[in-house]
N, C-alpha and C. Protein backbone atom coordinates (compact mmCIF):
# COMPACT_ATOMS: atom_id res chain seq x y z
N UNK A 1 -6.46 27.89 37.20
CA UNK A 1 -4.99 27.64 37.07
C UNK A 1 -4.46 26.53 37.12
N UNK A 2 -3.71 26.28 35.79
CA UNK A 2 -3.05 25.39 35.41
C UNK A 2 -1.26 25.43 36.23
N UNK A 3 -0.85 24.22 36.80
CA UNK A 3 -0.03 24.05 37.24
C UNK A 3 0.68 22.40 37.34
N UNK A 4 1.90 22.91 36.78
CA UNK A 4 2.62 21.60 36.25
C UNK A 4 3.13 20.87 37.82
N UNK A 5 3.06 19.74 37.93
CA UNK A 5 3.74 18.96 39.31
C UNK A 5 4.54 17.84 38.73
N UNK A 6 5.38 17.91 39.09
CA UNK A 6 6.48 16.62 38.90
C UNK A 6 6.69 15.47 40.29
N UNK A 7 5.60 14.96 40.47
CA UNK A 7 5.85 13.99 41.62
C UNK A 7 7.18 13.40 42.12
N UNK A 8 7.72 13.04 43.31
CA UNK A 8 8.54 12.24 43.39
C UNK A 8 7.78 10.92 43.56
N UNK A 9 9.03 10.06 43.54
CA UNK A 9 8.88 8.45 43.93
C UNK A 9 9.77 8.04 45.08
N UNK A 10 8.97 7.00 45.64
CA UNK A 10 9.99 6.41 46.76
C UNK A 10 9.36 4.89 46.67
N UNK A 11 10.42 4.32 47.47
CA UNK A 11 10.35 2.90 47.96
C UNK A 11 9.84 2.66 49.10
N UNK A 12 8.76 1.52 49.11
CA UNK A 12 7.93 1.30 50.35
C UNK A 12 8.98 0.15 50.93
N UNK A 13 9.42 0.02 52.15
CA UNK A 13 10.19 -1.04 52.64
C UNK A 13 9.24 -2.29 53.06
N UNK A 14 8.10 -2.07 52.97
CA UNK A 14 7.27 -3.32 53.03
C UNK A 14 7.15 -3.99 51.80
N UNK A 15 6.89 -3.93 50.98
CA UNK A 15 6.74 -4.45 49.78
C UNK A 15 7.67 -4.08 48.44
N UNK A 16 8.49 -3.36 48.53
CA UNK A 16 9.68 -2.87 48.11
C UNK A 16 9.24 -2.74 46.74
N UNK A 17 7.83 -1.90 46.62
CA UNK A 17 7.57 -1.28 45.53
C UNK A 17 7.98 0.04 45.40
N UNK A 18 8.21 0.60 44.04
CA UNK A 18 7.75 2.24 43.89
C UNK A 18 6.31 2.58 44.24
N UNK A 19 6.73 3.74 44.40
CA UNK A 19 5.18 4.82 44.54
C UNK A 19 5.49 5.88 44.12
N UNK A 20 4.31 6.31 43.42
CA UNK A 20 4.49 7.86 43.11
C UNK A 20 3.60 8.87 44.74
N UNK A 21 4.43 9.60 44.82
CA UNK A 21 4.18 10.62 46.07
C UNK A 21 3.73 12.23 45.55
N UNK A 22 2.54 11.84 46.05
CA UNK A 22 1.62 13.22 45.28
C UNK A 22 1.26 14.08 46.52
N UNK A 23 1.48 15.29 46.20
CA UNK A 23 1.02 16.43 47.12
C UNK A 23 -0.32 16.11 48.07
N UNK A 24 -0.85 16.72 49.13
CA UNK A 24 -1.67 16.67 49.49
C UNK A 24 -2.84 17.05 48.59
N UNK A 25 -2.89 17.81 48.21
CA UNK A 25 -3.95 18.64 47.52
C UNK A 25 -4.21 18.11 46.25
N UNK A 26 -3.45 17.02 45.77
CA UNK A 26 -3.87 15.97 44.28
C UNK A 26 -4.10 14.77 44.40
N UNK A 27 -5.12 14.27 43.80
CA UNK A 27 -5.61 13.02 43.58
C UNK A 27 -5.06 12.16 42.67
N UNK A 28 -4.80 10.94 42.79
CA UNK A 28 -4.36 9.97 41.95
C UNK A 28 -5.12 9.66 40.64
N UNK A 29 -4.63 9.41 39.33
CA UNK A 29 -5.57 9.68 38.38
C UNK A 29 -6.48 10.57 38.05
N UNK A 30 -6.35 11.81 38.44
CA UNK A 30 -7.02 12.92 37.83
C UNK A 30 -6.50 14.15 37.49
N UNK A 31 -6.74 14.66 36.79
CA UNK A 31 -5.62 16.45 36.31
C UNK A 31 -6.20 17.13 37.09
N UNK A 32 -7.47 17.31 37.78
CA UNK A 32 -7.88 18.24 38.52
C UNK A 32 -7.32 17.95 40.04
N UNK A 33 -7.20 18.99 40.58
CA UNK A 33 -6.86 19.22 42.22
C UNK A 33 -8.27 18.63 42.80
N UNK A 34 -7.94 18.22 43.95
CA UNK A 34 -8.79 17.65 44.97
C UNK A 34 -10.20 18.78 45.31
N UNK A 35 -9.57 20.21 45.50
CA UNK A 35 -10.27 21.30 45.54
C UNK A 35 -11.55 21.35 44.60
N UNK A 36 -11.13 21.26 43.40
CA UNK A 36 -12.03 21.12 42.16
C UNK A 36 -12.73 20.12 42.14
N UNK A 37 -12.47 19.11 42.30
CA UNK A 37 -13.37 18.08 42.27
C UNK A 37 -14.70 18.12 43.69
N UNK A 38 -13.82 18.56 45.16
CA UNK A 38 -14.70 18.60 46.04
C UNK A 38 -15.81 19.56 45.80
N UNK A 39 -15.59 20.80 45.27
CA UNK A 39 -16.29 21.98 44.94
C UNK A 39 -17.51 21.48 44.03
N UNK A 40 -17.14 20.85 42.88
CA UNK A 40 -18.29 20.24 41.93
C UNK A 40 -19.21 19.37 43.00
N UNK A 41 -18.49 18.57 43.97
CA UNK A 41 -19.47 17.51 44.50
C UNK A 41 -20.49 18.47 45.64
N UNK A 42 -19.79 19.19 46.32
CA UNK A 42 -20.58 20.05 47.16
C UNK A 42 -21.44 20.91 46.59
N UNK A 43 -21.15 21.74 45.42
CA UNK A 43 -22.32 22.34 44.62
C UNK A 43 -23.56 21.44 44.38
N UNK A 44 -23.21 20.26 44.00
CA UNK A 44 -24.16 19.67 43.66
C UNK A 44 -24.94 19.23 44.68
N UNK A 45 -24.43 18.61 45.79
CA UNK A 45 -25.35 17.79 46.81
C UNK A 45 -25.68 18.97 47.62
N UNK A 46 -25.13 20.27 48.29
CA UNK A 46 -25.64 21.27 49.06
C UNK A 46 -26.63 22.57 48.44
N UNK A 47 -26.08 22.47 47.09
CA UNK A 47 -27.27 23.61 46.39
C UNK A 47 -28.12 23.16 45.40
N UNK A 48 -27.90 21.79 44.94
CA UNK A 48 -28.46 21.20 44.31
C UNK A 48 -28.32 21.45 42.63
N UNK A 49 -27.18 22.40 42.39
CA UNK A 49 -26.93 22.44 41.31
C UNK A 49 -26.38 21.39 40.45
N UNK A 50 -27.13 21.49 39.00
CA UNK A 50 -26.81 20.11 38.11
C UNK A 50 -25.54 19.96 37.42
N UNK A 51 -24.89 19.18 36.77
CA UNK A 51 -23.49 19.12 36.64
C UNK A 51 -22.90 20.05 35.30
N UNK A 52 -24.20 20.31 34.19
CA UNK A 52 -23.89 21.36 33.04
C UNK A 52 -23.60 22.54 33.82
N UNK A 53 -24.25 23.45 35.01
CA UNK A 53 -24.04 24.83 35.32
C UNK A 53 -22.57 24.44 36.32
N UNK A 54 -22.09 23.52 37.02
CA UNK A 54 -21.01 23.51 37.47
C UNK A 54 -20.25 23.30 36.92
N UNK A 55 -20.49 22.40 35.61
CA UNK A 55 -18.94 22.56 34.36
C UNK A 55 -18.77 23.84 33.91
N UNK A 56 -19.82 24.32 33.74
CA UNK A 56 -19.64 26.11 33.24
C UNK A 56 -18.80 26.98 34.27
N UNK A 57 -19.26 26.59 35.46
CA UNK A 57 -18.71 27.82 36.43
C UNK A 57 -17.15 27.41 36.52
N UNK A 58 -16.92 25.72 36.46
CA UNK A 58 -15.49 25.23 36.56
C UNK A 58 -14.70 25.59 35.25
N UNK A 59 -15.01 25.45 34.69
CA UNK A 59 -14.66 25.54 33.12
C UNK A 59 -13.99 24.06 32.57
N UNK A 60 -15.18 23.14 33.07
CA UNK A 60 -14.69 21.83 32.82
C UNK A 60 -15.66 21.14 32.21
N UNK A 61 -15.20 20.06 31.09
CA UNK A 61 -16.11 19.28 30.53
C UNK A 61 -17.24 18.74 31.38
N UNK A 62 -18.60 19.05 30.84
CA UNK A 62 -19.68 18.40 31.42
C UNK A 62 -19.57 16.89 32.00
N UNK A 63 -19.22 16.07 30.61
CA UNK A 63 -19.03 14.45 31.16
C UNK A 63 -17.99 14.54 32.46
N UNK A 64 -16.97 15.28 32.38
CA UNK A 64 -15.78 15.13 33.78
C UNK A 64 -16.79 15.17 35.25
N UNK A 65 -17.32 16.24 34.69
CA UNK A 65 -18.31 17.10 36.22
C UNK A 65 -19.56 16.06 36.59
N UNK A 66 -19.77 15.59 35.89
CA UNK A 66 -20.90 14.55 36.12
C UNK A 66 -20.44 13.16 36.41
N UNK A 67 -19.54 12.75 36.00
CA UNK A 67 -18.81 11.76 36.29
C UNK A 67 -18.10 11.75 37.77
N UNK A 68 -17.65 12.98 38.07
CA UNK A 68 -17.30 13.03 39.81
C UNK A 68 -18.33 12.90 40.48
N UNK A 69 -19.47 13.77 40.43
CA UNK A 69 -20.60 13.34 41.00
C UNK A 69 -21.08 12.19 41.07
N UNK A 70 -21.51 11.51 40.25
CA UNK A 70 -21.94 10.26 39.74
C UNK A 70 -21.24 9.16 40.97
N UNK A 71 -19.81 9.29 40.73
CA UNK A 71 -19.09 8.48 41.45
C UNK A 71 -18.78 9.08 43.21
N UNK A 72 -19.09 10.18 43.76
CA UNK A 72 -19.53 10.24 44.93
C UNK A 72 -20.68 10.07 45.27
N UNK A 73 -21.71 10.06 44.52
CA UNK A 73 -22.79 9.50 45.13
C UNK A 73 -23.19 8.06 44.82
N UNK A 74 -22.24 7.20 44.34
CA UNK A 74 -22.32 6.01 44.09
C UNK A 74 -21.44 5.45 45.07
N UNK A 75 -20.55 5.80 45.67
CA UNK A 75 -19.72 5.53 46.92
C UNK A 75 -20.24 6.14 48.19
N UNK A 76 -21.36 6.93 48.09
CA UNK A 76 -21.69 7.45 49.70
C UNK A 76 -21.97 6.61 50.71
N UNK A 77 -22.78 5.42 50.41
CA UNK A 77 -22.58 4.67 51.73
C UNK A 77 -21.21 4.24 51.98
N UNK A 78 -20.53 3.71 51.26
CA UNK A 78 -19.38 3.50 51.63
C UNK A 78 -18.89 4.55 52.21
N UNK A 79 -18.53 5.47 51.71
CA UNK A 79 -17.93 6.65 52.75
C UNK A 79 -18.22 7.09 53.55
N UNK A 80 -19.93 6.71 54.31
CA UNK A 80 -20.13 7.06 55.14
C UNK A 80 -19.97 6.15 56.23
N UNK A 81 -19.57 5.10 55.91
CA UNK A 81 -19.53 3.84 56.44
C UNK A 81 -18.07 4.09 57.07
N UNK A 82 -17.27 4.26 56.34
CA UNK A 82 -15.68 4.27 56.54
C UNK A 82 -15.55 5.58 57.34
N UNK A 83 -16.16 6.64 57.36
CA UNK A 83 -15.52 7.85 58.04
C UNK A 83 -16.42 7.78 59.16
N UNK A 84 -17.65 7.38 59.52
CA UNK A 84 -18.02 7.47 60.30
C UNK A 84 -17.27 6.37 61.67
N UNK A 85 -16.88 5.15 61.11
CA UNK A 85 -16.01 4.89 62.29
C UNK A 85 -14.59 5.72 62.64
N UNK A 86 -14.25 6.24 61.44
CA UNK A 86 -13.46 7.26 61.83
C UNK A 86 -13.21 8.17 62.91
N UNK A 87 -14.28 9.02 62.72
CA UNK A 87 -14.77 9.66 63.48
C UNK A 87 -14.83 9.34 64.82
N UNK A 88 -15.58 7.94 64.80
CA UNK A 88 -16.00 7.35 66.11
C UNK A 88 -14.63 6.93 66.96
N UNK A 89 -13.83 6.39 66.38
CA UNK A 89 -12.46 6.08 66.83
C UNK A 89 -11.74 7.19 67.07
N UNK A 90 -11.75 8.13 66.86
CA UNK A 90 -10.46 9.25 66.89
C UNK A 90 -10.83 10.21 68.25
N UNK A 91 -11.98 9.98 68.37
CA UNK A 91 -12.24 10.79 69.83
C UNK A 91 -13.30 10.84 70.82
N UNK A 92 -13.18 10.86 72.33
CA UNK A 92 -13.99 10.37 73.05
C UNK A 92 -15.14 11.46 72.97
N UNK A 93 -14.91 12.63 72.52
CA UNK A 93 -16.01 13.62 72.16
C UNK A 93 -16.30 13.76 70.98
N UNK A 94 -16.33 12.48 70.02
CA UNK A 94 -16.90 12.82 68.86
C UNK A 94 -18.18 13.18 68.88
N UNK A 95 -19.03 12.91 69.85
CA UNK A 95 -20.51 13.73 69.51
C UNK A 95 -20.58 15.04 69.32
N UNK A 96 -19.68 15.86 69.69
CA UNK A 96 -19.69 17.17 69.47
C UNK A 96 -19.27 17.41 67.96
N UNK A 97 -18.75 16.55 67.43
CA UNK A 97 -18.48 16.65 65.87
C UNK A 97 -19.28 15.69 65.13
N UNK A 98 -20.43 15.17 65.65
CA UNK A 98 -21.17 14.68 64.87
C UNK A 98 -22.22 15.47 64.36
N UNK A 99 -22.42 15.09 62.78
CA UNK A 99 -23.32 15.75 61.91
C UNK A 99 -24.59 15.63 62.25
N UNK A 100 -25.83 16.46 61.77
CA UNK A 100 -27.15 16.02 61.64
C UNK A 100 -27.28 15.04 60.68
N UNK A 101 -28.31 14.36 60.82
CA UNK A 101 -28.74 13.48 59.75
C UNK A 101 -29.14 14.19 58.47
N UNK A 102 -28.85 13.85 57.43
CA UNK A 102 -29.66 14.76 56.10
C UNK A 102 -30.61 13.64 55.35
N UNK A 103 -30.72 14.14 54.54
CA UNK A 103 -32.00 13.53 53.55
C UNK A 103 -31.50 12.45 52.59
N UNK A 104 -30.05 12.49 52.38
CA UNK A 104 -29.68 11.75 51.30
C UNK A 104 -28.39 10.91 51.72
N UNK A 105 -28.17 9.64 51.07
CA UNK A 105 -26.75 9.22 51.90
C UNK A 105 -25.53 9.89 51.03
N UNK A 106 -25.73 10.85 49.92
CA UNK A 106 -24.54 11.32 49.85
C UNK A 106 -24.25 13.01 50.51
N UNK A 107 -25.47 13.51 50.68
CA UNK A 107 -25.29 14.51 51.96
C UNK A 107 -24.86 13.92 53.55
N UNK A 108 -25.42 12.77 53.55
CA UNK A 108 -24.70 12.12 54.92
C UNK A 108 -23.44 11.83 54.73
N UNK A 109 -22.85 11.29 53.64
CA UNK A 109 -21.50 11.17 53.73
C UNK A 109 -20.75 12.63 53.68
N UNK A 110 -21.14 13.14 52.83
CA UNK A 110 -20.30 14.81 52.92
C UNK A 110 -20.76 15.35 54.64
N UNK A 111 -21.31 15.25 54.86
CA UNK A 111 -21.45 15.89 56.31
C UNK A 111 -20.50 15.02 57.52
N UNK A 112 -20.34 13.33 57.09
CA UNK A 112 -19.24 13.15 57.73
C UNK A 112 -17.77 13.26 57.39
N UNK A 113 -17.56 13.43 56.21
CA UNK A 113 -16.25 14.05 55.52
C UNK A 113 -15.80 15.51 56.61
N UNK A 114 -16.75 15.85 56.91
CA UNK A 114 -16.83 17.59 57.34
C UNK A 114 -16.45 17.54 58.96
N UNK A 115 -17.28 16.20 59.59
CA UNK A 115 -16.95 16.23 60.63
C UNK A 115 -15.48 15.53 60.75
N UNK A 116 -15.02 14.41 60.09
CA UNK A 116 -13.70 14.24 59.87
C UNK A 116 -12.67 15.00 59.82
N UNK A 117 -12.98 16.42 59.26
CA UNK A 117 -12.29 17.24 59.07
C UNK A 117 -12.03 18.38 60.27
N UNK A 118 -13.29 18.13 60.65
CA UNK A 118 -13.16 18.98 62.36
C UNK A 118 -12.35 18.32 63.28
N UNK A 119 -12.74 16.68 63.29
CA UNK A 119 -11.98 15.83 64.17
C UNK A 119 -10.13 16.29 63.94
N UNK A 120 -10.07 16.16 63.02
CA UNK A 120 -8.12 16.49 62.57
C UNK A 120 -8.10 17.78 62.83
N UNK A 121 -8.88 18.52 62.61
CA UNK A 121 -8.94 20.21 63.36
C UNK A 121 -8.42 20.09 64.53
N UNK A 122 -9.21 19.60 65.36
CA UNK A 122 -9.38 19.51 66.82
C UNK A 122 -8.11 18.74 67.16
N UNK A 123 -7.53 17.29 66.46
CA UNK A 123 -6.63 16.71 67.43
C UNK A 123 -5.29 17.46 66.87
N UNK A 124 -4.88 18.14 65.67
CA UNK A 124 -3.63 18.48 65.28
C UNK A 124 -3.71 20.23 65.50
N UNK A 125 -4.39 20.82 66.17
CA UNK A 125 -4.26 21.98 66.38
C UNK A 125 -4.89 22.96 67.36
N UNK A 126 -5.51 21.82 68.33
CA UNK A 126 -6.39 22.19 69.07
C UNK A 126 -5.69 22.88 70.69
N UNK A 127 -5.85 23.65 71.02
CA UNK A 127 -5.41 23.90 72.37
C UNK A 127 -6.73 23.90 73.43
N UNK A 128 -6.13 23.22 74.32
CA UNK A 128 -7.51 23.14 75.52
C UNK A 128 -7.91 24.49 76.05
N UNK A 129 -9.27 24.53 76.09
CA UNK A 129 -10.30 25.75 76.31
C UNK A 129 -9.99 26.72 75.03
N UNK A 130 -9.35 26.63 73.82
CA UNK A 130 -9.29 27.46 72.97
C UNK A 130 -9.66 27.11 71.65
N UNK A 131 -10.13 27.71 70.85
CA UNK A 131 -10.68 27.32 69.07
C UNK A 131 -9.61 26.68 68.64
N UNK A 132 -9.83 25.72 67.74
CA UNK A 132 -8.89 25.42 66.91
C UNK A 132 -7.97 25.93 66.20
N UNK A 133 -6.55 25.94 66.18
CA UNK A 133 -5.82 26.80 65.35
C UNK A 133 -5.73 26.06 63.90
N UNK A 134 -5.77 25.41 63.66
CA UNK A 134 -5.74 24.34 62.59
C UNK A 134 -7.07 24.27 61.64
N UNK A 135 -7.08 24.85 60.47
CA UNK A 135 -8.15 24.33 59.62
C UNK A 135 -7.92 23.63 58.34
N UNK A 136 -8.99 22.35 58.67
CA UNK A 136 -8.99 21.34 57.55
C UNK A 136 -10.30 21.24 56.76
N UNK A 137 -9.90 21.49 55.54
CA UNK A 137 -10.99 21.21 54.38
C UNK A 137 -11.14 19.91 54.45
N UNK A 138 -12.57 19.41 53.96
CA UNK A 138 -12.79 17.95 53.94
C UNK A 138 -12.48 17.22 52.82
N UNK A 139 -12.14 17.67 51.87
CA UNK A 139 -10.94 17.30 50.31
C UNK A 139 -10.05 16.66 51.29
N UNK A 140 -9.07 18.15 51.81
CA UNK A 140 -7.79 17.22 52.52
C UNK A 140 -8.23 16.30 53.39
N UNK A 141 -9.28 16.41 54.39
CA UNK A 141 -9.28 15.29 55.32
C UNK A 141 -9.96 13.92 54.91
N UNK A 142 -10.25 14.12 53.44
CA UNK A 142 -10.71 12.56 53.09
C UNK A 142 -9.59 12.16 52.19
N UNK A 143 -8.45 13.02 51.86
CA UNK A 143 -7.37 12.53 51.20
C UNK A 143 -6.12 12.00 52.08
N UNK A 144 -6.53 12.75 53.72
CA UNK A 144 -5.64 12.35 54.50
C UNK A 144 -6.03 10.82 55.00
N UNK A 145 -7.46 10.31 54.97
CA UNK A 145 -8.11 9.25 55.67
C UNK A 145 -7.79 8.16 54.69
N UNK A 146 -8.15 8.37 53.54
CA UNK A 146 -8.04 7.38 52.48
C UNK A 146 -6.68 7.66 51.60
N UNK A 147 -5.92 8.62 51.04
CA UNK A 147 -5.02 8.73 50.38
C UNK A 147 -5.53 9.36 49.07
N UNK A 148 -4.65 9.25 48.48
CA UNK A 148 -4.68 9.93 47.00
C UNK A 148 -5.63 9.23 46.14
N UNK A 149 -6.29 8.01 46.35
CA UNK A 149 -7.25 7.38 45.67
C UNK A 149 -8.75 8.01 46.09
N UNK A 150 -8.71 8.51 47.21
CA UNK A 150 -10.08 8.95 47.38
C UNK A 150 -11.14 9.62 45.88
N UNK A 151 -10.87 10.50 45.53
CA UNK A 151 -11.64 11.11 44.18
C UNK A 151 -11.17 9.99 43.00
N UNK A 152 -10.67 8.91 42.64
CA UNK A 152 -10.27 8.43 41.74
C UNK A 152 -11.23 7.03 41.35
N UNK A 153 -12.19 7.35 41.10
CA UNK A 153 -13.37 6.56 40.70
C UNK A 153 -13.87 5.92 41.53
N UNK A 154 -14.60 4.74 41.27
CA UNK A 154 -15.80 3.97 41.92
C UNK A 154 -14.73 2.74 43.07
N UNK A 155 -13.92 2.77 42.87
CA UNK A 155 -13.07 1.68 43.62
C UNK A 155 -12.59 2.19 44.71
N UNK A 156 -12.62 3.56 44.90
CA UNK A 156 -11.82 4.63 45.86
C UNK A 156 -11.81 3.56 47.38
N UNK A 157 -12.43 3.46 47.75
CA UNK A 157 -12.37 2.55 49.02
C UNK A 157 -11.96 1.21 48.88
N UNK A 158 -11.58 0.71 48.00
CA UNK A 158 -10.85 -0.82 48.01
C UNK A 158 -9.47 -0.41 48.86
N UNK A 159 -8.74 -1.65 48.93
CA UNK A 159 -7.46 -1.35 49.47
C UNK A 159 -6.38 -0.98 48.03
N UNK A 160 -5.41 -0.30 48.35
CA UNK A 160 -4.82 -0.04 46.85
C UNK A 160 -3.82 -0.99 46.63
N UNK A 161 -3.90 -2.03 45.81
CA UNK A 161 -2.98 -2.66 45.29
C UNK A 161 -1.69 -2.22 44.82
N UNK A 162 -0.91 -3.64 45.41
CA UNK A 162 0.86 -2.60 45.51
C UNK A 162 1.24 -3.69 44.41
N UNK A 163 2.15 -3.17 43.43
CA UNK A 163 2.66 -3.79 42.33
C UNK A 163 3.94 -3.28 41.64
N UNK A 164 4.62 -4.17 41.85
CA UNK A 164 6.27 -3.63 41.74
C UNK A 164 6.87 -2.87 40.55
N UNK A 165 7.10 -1.53 40.75
CA UNK A 165 7.39 -0.81 39.85
C UNK A 165 8.92 -1.10 39.06
N UNK A 166 9.71 -1.39 40.22
CA UNK A 166 11.24 -1.82 39.65
C UNK A 166 11.42 -2.93 40.42
N UNK A 167 12.54 -3.89 39.43
CA UNK A 167 12.86 -5.20 40.35
C UNK A 167 13.51 -5.07 41.46
N UNK A 168 12.93 -6.35 42.17
CA UNK A 168 13.47 -6.31 43.56
C UNK A 168 15.21 -6.54 43.54
N UNK A 169 15.63 -5.86 44.68
CA UNK A 169 17.48 -6.49 44.44
C UNK A 169 17.37 -7.65 45.40
N UNK A 170 18.54 -8.41 44.59
CA UNK A 170 19.06 -9.46 45.19
C UNK A 170 19.51 -9.39 46.72
């Protein structure tokens, strides 16, 4: 389903540059929603499906899907490191959210992203003694943890560079 989005802009009070504000379901510099990219990554890592099969299921070009999967696998060690620290810092009960070790770096990274999603659900919707009332998917947790650049290529875990889009007022 195609949907047109007109993103809003806002000026950063710290750097005085303007930024495009994307809804949480979208990623920077990608035409597809985060859920579509996440589905492709998850299908590849969890079920071992190839990029051609995934592309056919999603109705996307093979090269695009292959790029998503390659980018995730290339960034898996950095993703694992970044989100392991987030899960560890987030809660004293982090061992309850810790994923079991997986055979590949990409599977470990995906497991840690899912753990981060469980931590967010726990912190933002849990009632003591009851099951969490919030459900957070791992793509939303990834975007919440790192911003809209998470699914945007191999540089996704580097700091976002601020560039003035409007001249500064005197």
